[in-house]
C-alpha atoms as a PDB file:
ATOM      1  CA  MET A   1      10.363 -44.635 -95.360  1.00  0.00           C
ATOM      2  CA  ARG A   2      11.890 -47.570 -96.988  1.00  0.00           C
ATOM      3  CA  ASP A   3       9.496 -47.405 -99.795  1.00  0.00           C
ATOM      4  CA  ASN A   4      10.646 -44.006-100.348  1.00  0.00           C
ATOM      5  CA  LEU A   5      14.390 -44.810-100.501  1.00  0.00           C
ATOM      6  CA  THR A   6      13.639 -46.834-103.543  1.00  0.00           C
ATOM      7  CA  THR A   7      11.434 -44.301-105.698  1.00  0.00           C
ATOM      8  CA  ILE A   8      14.811 -42.561-106.897  1.00  0.00           C
ATOM      9  CA  PRO A   9      14.815 -41.953-110.731  1.00  0.00           C
ATOM     10  CA  LEU A  10      17.757 -43.317-112.135  1.00  0.00           C
ATOM     11  CA  SER A  11      17.731 -41.503-115.075  1.00  0.00           C
ATOM     12  CA  GLU A  12      17.938 -38.821-113.467  1.00  0.00           C
ATOM     13  CA  ILE A  13      21.710 -39.921-111.549  1.00  0.00           C
ATOM     14  CA  PHE A  14      22.554 -41.358-114.924  1.00  0.00           C
ATOM     15  CA  GLU A  15      21.739 -37.913-116.629  1.00  0.00           C
ATOM     16  CA  LYS A  16      24.767 -36.250-114.525  1.00  0.00           C
ATOM     17  CA  GLN A  17      28.218 -37.207-116.321  1.00  0.00           C
ATOM     18  CA  ASP A  18      30.517 -36.623-112.743  1.00  0.00           C
ATOM     19  CA  GLY A  19      32.801 -39.395-110.965  1.00  0.00           C
ATOM     20  CA  CYS A  20      30.599 -42.556-110.393  1.00  0.00           C
ATOM     21  CA  PRO A  21      27.198 -42.677-111.174  1.00  0.00           C
ATOM     22  CA  VAL A  22      26.398 -45.467-108.525  1.00  0.00           C
ATOM     23  CA  CYS A  23      28.568 -43.456-106.108  1.00  0.00           C
ATOM     24  CA  ARG A  24      25.886 -40.288-106.355  1.00  0.00           C
ATOM     25  CA  LEU A  25      22.981 -43.118-105.787  1.00  0.00           C
ATOM     26  CA  ARG A  26      23.524 -43.702-102.439  1.00  0.00           C
ATOM     27  CA  ASP A  27      24.658 -40.076-101.588  1.00  0.00           C
ATOM     28  CA  THR A  28      21.630 -39.307-102.099  1.00  0.00           C
ATOM     29  CA  VAL A  29      20.084 -42.772-100.851  1.00  0.00           C
ATOM     30  CA  GLU A  30      22.387 -41.641 -97.753  1.00  0.00           C
ATOM     31  CA  ALA A  31      20.779 -37.847 -97.679  1.00  0.00           C
ATOM     32  CA  ARG A  32      17.495 -39.247 -97.381  1.00  0.00           C
ATOM     33  CA  VAL A  33      18.713 -40.848 -94.413  1.00  0.00           C
ATOM     34  CA  VAL A  34      20.100 -38.359 -92.534  1.00  0.00           C
ATOM     35  CA  GLU A  35      17.155 -35.753 -93.527  1.00  0.00           C
ATOM     36  CA  PHE A  36      14.456 -38.656 -91.962  1.00  0.00           C
ATOM     37  CA  VAL A  37      16.534 -39.014 -89.114  1.00  0.00           C
ATOM     38  CA  THR A  38      16.747 -35.685 -88.055  1.00  0.00           C
ATOM     39  CA  GLY A  39      12.997 -34.801 -88.331  1.00  0.00           C
ATOM     40  CA  ALA A  40      10.316 -36.058 -87.400  1.00  0.00           C
ATOM     41  CA  ALA A  41      10.968 -39.551 -87.396  1.00  0.00           C
ATOM     42  CA  MET A  42      13.067 -39.096 -84.213  1.00  0.00           C
ATOM     43  CA  MET A  43       9.920 -39.236 -82.171  1.00  0.00           C
ATOM     44  CA  GLU A  44       8.684 -42.465 -84.159  1.00  0.00           C
ATOM     45  CA  PRO A  45       8.709 -45.254 -81.094  1.00  0.00           C
ATOM     46  CA  ASP A  46       9.648 -47.378 -84.204  1.00  0.00           C
ATOM     47  CA  VAL A  47      12.536 -45.629 -85.961  1.00  0.00           C
ATOM     48  CA  ARG A  48      13.759 -44.361 -82.669  1.00  0.00           C
ATOM     49  CA  GLN A  49      14.510 -48.203 -81.064  1.00  0.00           C
ATOM     50  CA  ARG A  50      16.177 -49.260 -83.934  1.00  0.00           C
ATOM     51  CA  THR A  51      18.569 -45.847 -83.585  1.00  0.00           C
ATOM     52  CA  ASN A  52      19.120 -46.657 -79.952  1.00  0.00           C
ATOM     53  CA  GLU A  53      19.918 -50.353 -81.134  1.00  0.00           C
ATOM     54  CA  GLU A  54      22.314 -49.396 -84.127  1.00  0.00           C
ATOM     55  CA  GLY A  55      23.293 -45.772 -83.782  1.00  0.00           C
ATOM     56  CA  PHE A  56      25.884 -44.276 -85.942  1.00  0.00           C
ATOM     57  CA  CYS A  57      29.089 -44.705 -87.815  1.00  0.00           C
ATOM     58  CA  ALA A  58      31.507 -41.886 -88.113  1.00  0.00           C
ATOM     59  CA  THR A  59      31.032 -41.031 -91.673  1.00  0.00           C
ATOM     60  CA  HIS A  60      27.379 -40.646 -91.108  1.00  0.00           C
ATOM     61  CA  PHE A  61      27.330 -39.121 -87.445  1.00  0.00           C
ATOM     62  CA  ALA A  62      29.744 -36.252 -89.072  1.00  0.00           C
ATOM     63  CA  GLN A  63      26.491 -36.230 -91.804  1.00  0.00           C
ATOM     64  CA  LEU A  64      23.410 -36.150 -88.999  1.00  0.00           C
ATOM     65  CA  LEU A  65      25.606 -33.096 -87.395  1.00  0.00           C
ATOM     66  CA  ALA A  66      26.037 -31.185 -91.004  1.00  0.00           C
ATOM     67  CA  GLN A  67      22.074 -31.105 -90.844  1.00  0.00           C
ATOM     68  CA  GLN A  68      22.686 -28.251 -88.061  1.00  0.00           C
ATOM     69  CA  LYS A  69      20.164 -29.814 -86.230  1.00  0.00           C
ATOM     70  CA  ARG A  70      21.818 -30.266 -83.160  1.00  0.00           C
ATOM     71  CA  LEU A  71      18.845 -30.654 -80.595  1.00  0.00           C
ATOM     72  CA  PRO A  72      17.241 -33.874 -82.804  1.00  0.00           C
ATOM     73  CA  VAL A  73      20.434 -35.547 -82.637  1.00  0.00           C
ATOM     74  CA  ALA A  74      20.716 -34.522 -78.708  1.00  0.00           C
ATOM     75  CA  LEU A  75      17.838 -36.444 -78.239  1.00  0.00           C
ATOM     76  CA  VAL A  76      18.488 -39.345 -80.236  1.00  0.00           C
ATOM     77  CA  LEU A  77      22.063 -39.316 -78.531  1.00  0.00           C
ATOM     78  CA  GLU A  78      19.859 -39.382 -75.339  1.00  0.00           C
ATOM     79  CA  SER A  79      17.718 -42.457 -75.955  1.00  0.00           C
ATOM     80  CA  HIS A  80      20.532 -43.604 -77.704  1.00  0.00           C
ATOM     81  CA  LEU A  81      23.713 -43.640 -75.076  1.00  0.00           C
ATOM     82  CA  ALA A  82      20.858 -44.727 -72.111  1.00  0.00           C
ATOM     83  CA  ARG A  83      20.597 -48.388 -74.507  1.00  0.00           C
ATOM     84  CA  LEU A  84      24.573 -48.318 -74.910  1.00  0.00           C
ATOM     85  CA  ASP A  85      24.978 -48.382 -70.952  1.00  0.00           C
ATOM     86  CA  GLU A  86      22.011 -50.945 -70.187  1.00  0.00           C
ATOM     87  CA  ARG A  87      23.369 -53.460 -73.431  1.00  0.00           C
ATOM     88  CA  LEU A  88      27.307 -53.053 -72.208  1.00  0.00           C
ATOM     89  CA  PHE A  89      27.039 -52.375 -68.360  1.00  0.00           C
ATOM     90  CA  GLY A  90      23.566 -53.601 -66.958  1.00  0.00           C
ATOM     91  CA  LYS A  91      22.760 -56.135 -64.966  1.00  0.00           C
ATOM     92  CA  GLY A  92      23.670 -59.399 -66.558  1.00  0.00           C
ATOM     93  CA  ALA A  93      25.325 -57.863 -68.991  1.00  0.00           C
ATOM     94  CA  LEU A  94      28.745 -59.275 -70.814  1.00  0.00           C
ATOM     95  CA  PRO A  95      30.405 -56.643 -72.478  1.00  0.00           C
ATOM     96  CA  PHE A  96      33.464 -58.419 -73.600  1.00  0.00           C
ATOM     97  CA  SER A  97      33.875 -62.237 -75.295  1.00  0.00           C
ATOM     98  CA  ARG A  98      33.083 -65.525 -73.142  1.00  0.00           C
ATOM     99  CA  PRO A  99      32.591 -68.902 -73.432  1.00  0.00           C
ATOM    100  CA  ALA A 100      28.467 -69.929 -74.015  1.00  0.00           C
ATOM    101  CA  PRO A 101      26.809 -67.464 -72.143  1.00  0.00           C
ATOM    102  CA  ALA A 102      28.741 -64.761 -74.015  1.00  0.00           C
ATOM    103  CA  LYS A 103      25.919 -65.493 -76.690  1.00  0.00           C
ATOM    104  CA  LYS A 104      22.950 -64.006 -74.785  1.00  0.00           C
ATOM    105  CA  TYR A 105      24.847 -60.415 -74.503  1.00  0.00           C
ATOM    106  CA  PRO A 106      26.202 -58.249 -77.178  1.00  0.00           C
ATOM    107  CA  LEU A 107      29.282 -57.520 -77.853  1.00  0.00           C
ATOM    108  CA  ALA A 108      31.013 -54.338 -77.504  1.00  0.00           C
ATOM    109  CA  GLY A 109      32.397 -54.406 -80.888  1.00  0.00           C
ATOM    110  CA  GLU A 110      29.100 -55.151 -82.448  1.00  0.00           C
ATOM    111  CA  VAL A 111      27.410 -52.172 -80.644  1.00  0.00           C
ATOM    112  CA  ALA A 112      30.426 -50.214 -81.636  1.00  0.00           C
ATOM    113  CA  SER A 113      29.895 -51.032 -85.266  1.00  0.00           C
ATOM    114  CA  SER A 114      26.235 -51.147 -86.139  1.00  0.00           C
ATOM    115  CA  CYS A 115      24.960 -47.897 -87.602  1.00  0.00           C
ATOM    116  CA  PHE A 116      21.277 -47.229 -88.415  1.00  0.00           C
ATOM    117  CA  VAL A 117      22.226 -45.031 -92.016  1.00  0.00           C
ATOM    118  CA  CYS A 118      24.380 -47.685 -93.360  1.00  0.00           C
ATOM    119  CA  ASP A 119      21.851 -50.408 -92.306  1.00  0.00           C
ATOM    120  CA  ARG A 120      18.623 -48.381 -94.274  1.00  0.00           C
ATOM    121  CA  THR A 121      21.556 -47.475 -96.844  1.00  0.00           C
ATOM    122  CA  GLN A 122      22.556 -50.515 -98.270  1.00  0.00           C
ATOM    123  CA  TRP A 123      19.049 -52.582 -97.897  1.00  0.00           C
ATOM    124  CA  ALA A 124      17.664 -49.947-100.169  1.00  0.00           C
ATOM    125  CA  LEU A 125      21.210 -49.153-102.365  1.00  0.00           C
ATOM    126  CA  GLU A 126      20.639 -53.098-102.997  1.00  0.00           C
ATOM    127  CA  ARG A 127      17.237 -52.880-104.352  1.00  0.00           C
ATOM    128  CA  LEU A 128      17.674 -50.288-106.721  1.00  0.00           C
ATOM    129  CA  LEU A 129      20.555 -51.693-108.086  1.00  0.00           C
ATOM    130  CA  ASP A 130      18.385 -54.800-108.771  1.00  0.00           C
ATOM    131  CA  THR A 131      16.714 -52.636-110.617  1.00  0.00           C
ATOM    132  CA  LEU A 132      19.940 -50.714-112.782  1.00  0.00           C
ATOM    133  CA  ALA A 133      20.089 -54.259-113.786  1.00  0.00           C
ATOM    134  CA  ARG A 134      17.049 -55.260-115.180  1.00  0.00           C
ATOM    135  CA  THR A 135      17.078 -51.327-116.682  1.00  0.00           C
ATOM    136  CA  TYR A 136      19.821 -51.421-118.560  1.00  0.00           C
ATOM    137  CA  ALA A 137      18.573 -55.135-120.470  1.00  0.00           C
ATOM    138  CA  ALA A 138      15.526 -53.422-120.990  1.00  0.00           C
ATOM    139  CA  GLU A 139      16.039 -50.257-122.319  1.00  0.00           C
ATOM    140  CA  ARG A 140      18.423 -49.058-124.954  1.00  0.00           C
ATOM    141  CA  ASP A 141      18.385 -45.467-123.643  1.00  0.00           C
ATOM    142  CA  PHE A 142      19.588 -46.278-120.246  1.00  0.00           C
ATOM    143  CA  ARG A 143      22.000 -48.252-121.974  1.00  0.00           C
ATOM    144  CA  ALA A 144      23.395 -45.688-123.272  1.00  0.00           C
ATOM    145  CA  LEU A 145      23.437 -43.234-120.471  1.00  0.00           C
ATOM    146  CA  PHE A 146      25.517 -46.376-118.539  1.00  0.00           C
ATOM    147  CA  ASP A 147      27.654 -46.661-121.126  1.00  0.00           C
ATOM    148  CA  ALA A 148      28.938 -43.096-121.902  1.00  0.00           C
ATOM    149  CA  GLN A 149      29.550 -43.015-118.073  1.00  0.00           C
ATOM    150  CA  PRO A 150      33.003 -41.680-117.182  1.00  0.00           C
ATOM    151  CA  MET A 151      34.310 -43.697-114.256  1.00  0.00           C
ATOM    152  CA  LEU A 152      32.925 -46.883-112.005  1.00  0.00           C
ATOM    153  CA  CYS A 153      34.362 -46.896-108.569  1.00  0.00           C
ATOM    154  CA  LEU A 154      36.195 -50.195-107.605  1.00  0.00           C
ATOM    155  CA  PRO A 155      33.497 -50.882-104.457  1.00  0.00           C
ATOM    156  CA  HIS A 156      30.458 -50.586-106.429  1.00  0.00           C
ATOM    157  CA  TYR A 157      31.525 -51.774-109.608  1.00  0.00           C
ATOM    158  CA  TYR A 158      31.613 -54.699-107.655  1.00  0.00           C
ATOM    159  CA  ALA A 159      27.926 -54.434-106.455  1.00  0.00           C
ATOM    160  CA  LEU A 160      27.107 -53.610-110.041  1.00  0.00           C
ATOM    161  CA  LEU A 161      28.514 -57.429-110.559  1.00  0.00           C
ATOM    162  CA  ALA A 162      27.308 -58.726-107.461  1.00  0.00           C
ATOM    163  CA  THR A 163      23.765 -58.009-108.120  1.00  0.00           C
ATOM    164  CA  GLY A 164      23.684 -57.898-111.789  1.00  0.00           C
ATOM    165  CA  GLU A 165      24.685 -61.115-112.042  1.00  0.00           C
ATOM    166  CA  LYS A 166      21.153 -62.140-109.556  1.00  0.00           C
ATOM    167  CA  ALA A 167      18.992 -59.737-111.080  1.00  0.00           C
ATOM    168  CA  LEU A 168      19.339 -60.754-115.106  1.00  0.00           C
ATOM    169  CA  GLY A 169      20.429 -64.126-116.772  1.00  0.00           C
ATOM    170  CA  LYS A 170      23.512 -65.711-117.788  1.00  0.00           C
ATOM    171  CA  LYS A 171      23.638 -63.602-121.356  1.00  0.00           C
ATOM    172  CA  GLU A 172      22.355 -60.253-120.281  1.00  0.00           C
ATOM    173  CA  PHE A 173      24.238 -60.266-117.613  1.00  0.00           C
ATOM    174  CA  ALA A 174      27.317 -60.596-119.346  1.00  0.00           C
ATOM    175  CA  GLN A 175      26.599 -57.914-121.250  1.00  0.00           C
ATOM    176  CA  TYR A 176      26.193 -55.991-118.662  1.00  0.00           C
ATOM    177  CA  ALA A 177      29.301 -57.009-116.566  1.00  0.00           C
ATOM    178  CA  ASP A 178      31.114 -56.022-119.998  1.00  0.00           C
ATOM    179  CA  ALA A 179      29.718 -52.573-120.064  1.00  0.00           C
ATOM    180  CA  ALA A 180      30.175 -52.124-116.992  1.00  0.00           C
ATOM    181  CA  ALA A 181      33.733 -53.530-116.139  1.00  0.00           C
ATOM    182  CA  ALA A 182      34.630 -51.149-119.081  1.00  0.00           C
ATOM    183  CA  VAL A 183      33.055 -47.718-117.744  1.00  0.00           C
ATOM    184  CA  CYS A 184      35.554 -48.702-115.110  1.00  0.00           C
ATOM    185  CA  ARG A 185      38.545 -49.775-117.205  1.00  0.00           C
ATOM    186  CA  ALA A 186      38.221 -46.151-118.268  1.00  0.00           C
ATOM    187  CA  GLY A 187      37.980 -44.999-115.023  1.00  0.00           C
ATOM    188  CA  LEU A 188      41.110 -46.878-113.882  1.00  0.00           C
ATOM    189  CA  THR A 189      43.423 -45.756-117.436  1.00  0.00           C
ATOM    190  CA  ALA A 190      42.444 -41.834-116.766  1.00  0.00           C
ATOM    191  CA  LEU A 191      43.651 -41.886-112.428  1.00  0.00           C
ATOM    192  CA  ARG A 192      46.498 -43.969-113.695  1.00  0.00           C
ATOM    193  CA  GLU A 193      47.577 -41.263-116.594  1.00  0.00           C
ATOM    194  CA  ASP A 194      46.692 -38.751-114.331  1.00  0.00           C
ATOM    195  CA  VAL A 195      48.053 -40.419-111.069  1.00  0.00           C
ATOM    196  CA  ALA A 196      51.537 -40.612-112.844  1.00  0.00           C
ATOM    197  CA  TRP A 197      51.844 -37.281-113.765  1.00  0.00           C
ATOM    198  CA  PHE A 198      51.378 -35.995-110.886  1.00  0.00           C
ATOM    199  CA  CYS A 199      53.979 -37.620-109.619  1.00  0.00           C
ATOM    200  CA  ARG A 200      56.329 -36.298-112.824  1.00  0.00           C
ATOM    201  CA  LYS A 201      54.559 -32.908-112.293  1.00  0.00           C
ATOM    202  CA  HIS A 202      56.886 -32.569-109.147  1.00  0.00           C
ATOM    203  CA  ASP A 203      60.317 -33.222-110.662  1.00  0.00           C
ATOM    204  CA  TYR A 204      62.123 -29.974-111.234  1.00  0.00           C
ATOM    205  CA  GLN A 205      61.722 -30.274-115.330  1.00  0.00           C
ATOM    206  CA  ASN A 206      57.978 -30.726-115.013  1.00  0.00           C
ATOM    207  CA  ARG A 207      57.301 -27.557-112.934  1.00  0.00           C
ATOM    208  CA  ASP A 208      56.431 -25.026-115.610  1.00  0.00           C
ATOM    209  CA  ALA A 209      54.014 -27.607-117.510  1.00  0.00           C
ATOM    210  CA  ASP A 210      50.698 -27.699-117.458  1.00  0.00           C
ATOM    211  CA  TRP A 211      48.546 -29.630-114.283  1.00  0.00           C
ATOM    212  CA  GLY A 212      45.590 -30.744-116.426  1.00  0.00           C
ATOM    213  CA  ASN A 213      43.517 -32.912-114.278  1.00  0.00           C
ATOM    214  CA  ALA A 214      45.765 -33.454-112.288  1.00  0.00           C
ATOM    215  CA  ARG A 215      45.916 -32.115-109.557  1.00  0.00           C
ATOM    216  CA  ASP A 216      43.212 -33.295-107.974  1.00  0.00           C
ATOM    217  CA  ALA A 217      44.662 -37.375-108.659  1.00  0.00           C
ATOM    218  CA  ILE A 218      45.371 -38.378-104.996  1.00  0.00           C
ATOM    219  CA  GLU A 219      41.652 -37.598-103.867  1.00  0.00           C
ATOM    220  CA  ARG A 220      39.798 -39.003-106.889  1.00  0.00           C
ATOM    221  CA  ALA A 221      42.155 -41.989-106.916  1.00  0.00           C
ATOM    222  CA  GLY A 222      40.699 -41.972-102.904  1.00  0.00           C
ATOM    223  CA  ARG A 223      37.385 -41.718-104.332  1.00  0.00           C
ATOM    224  CA  PHE A 224      37.878 -44.734-107.252  1.00  0.00           C
ATOM    225  CA  LEU A 225      39.175 -47.062-104.536  1.00  0.00           C
ATOM    226  CA  THR A 226      36.781 -46.131-101.305  1.00  0.00           C
ATOM    227  CA  SER A 227      33.883 -44.883-102.861  1.00  0.00           C
ATOM    228  CA  ARG A 228      34.097 -41.883-100.392  1.00  0.00           C
ATOM    229  CA  GLY A 229      36.332 -38.742-100.629  1.00  0.00           C
END
């Protein structure tokens, strides 16, 4: 499964020019993991053990339900809830913070904040972004695809820089960082204009003016700031 997550063709992701390309990359990885969980993998002991321990965050639980495979989800939940009960309330468990002995036991907050899909997606995305940085430095055609993107969301702009700094030499990274900054800034500039027009559009003097691209500016601002929306 892990190998499958890192074989997504980057050029196909970047050929499309609509929103943040790293969001599209992340969404592709997530879709593969969610499909994997609700498929035959739910009966694989090693996968089931991890889902029992980690569970799912709200975002990815909703994506599991959206697969319309209710029985596989229920089977995964059955064993996850049993393991949760054991970890939090079984003999000798401490579901809340205590002095030194608590280090031996799971805290309720740790259990509630873990997610199998988040873990696999993050693992794969880090490796794909490493490949992305190296591809940008090595291939002119890919640089053109990257530079033509309309935007980078804020979380993924930071992720590109953090990964690229480790993957590239100083000179290559400086060029990569400048390119990423140009794409992110261009998207931010356009977004600011649209949000400002959305605000002005509610002035009675502009009530008959065209919305332009501002009608969904609030939603797009949310996606820029959080990578979700």
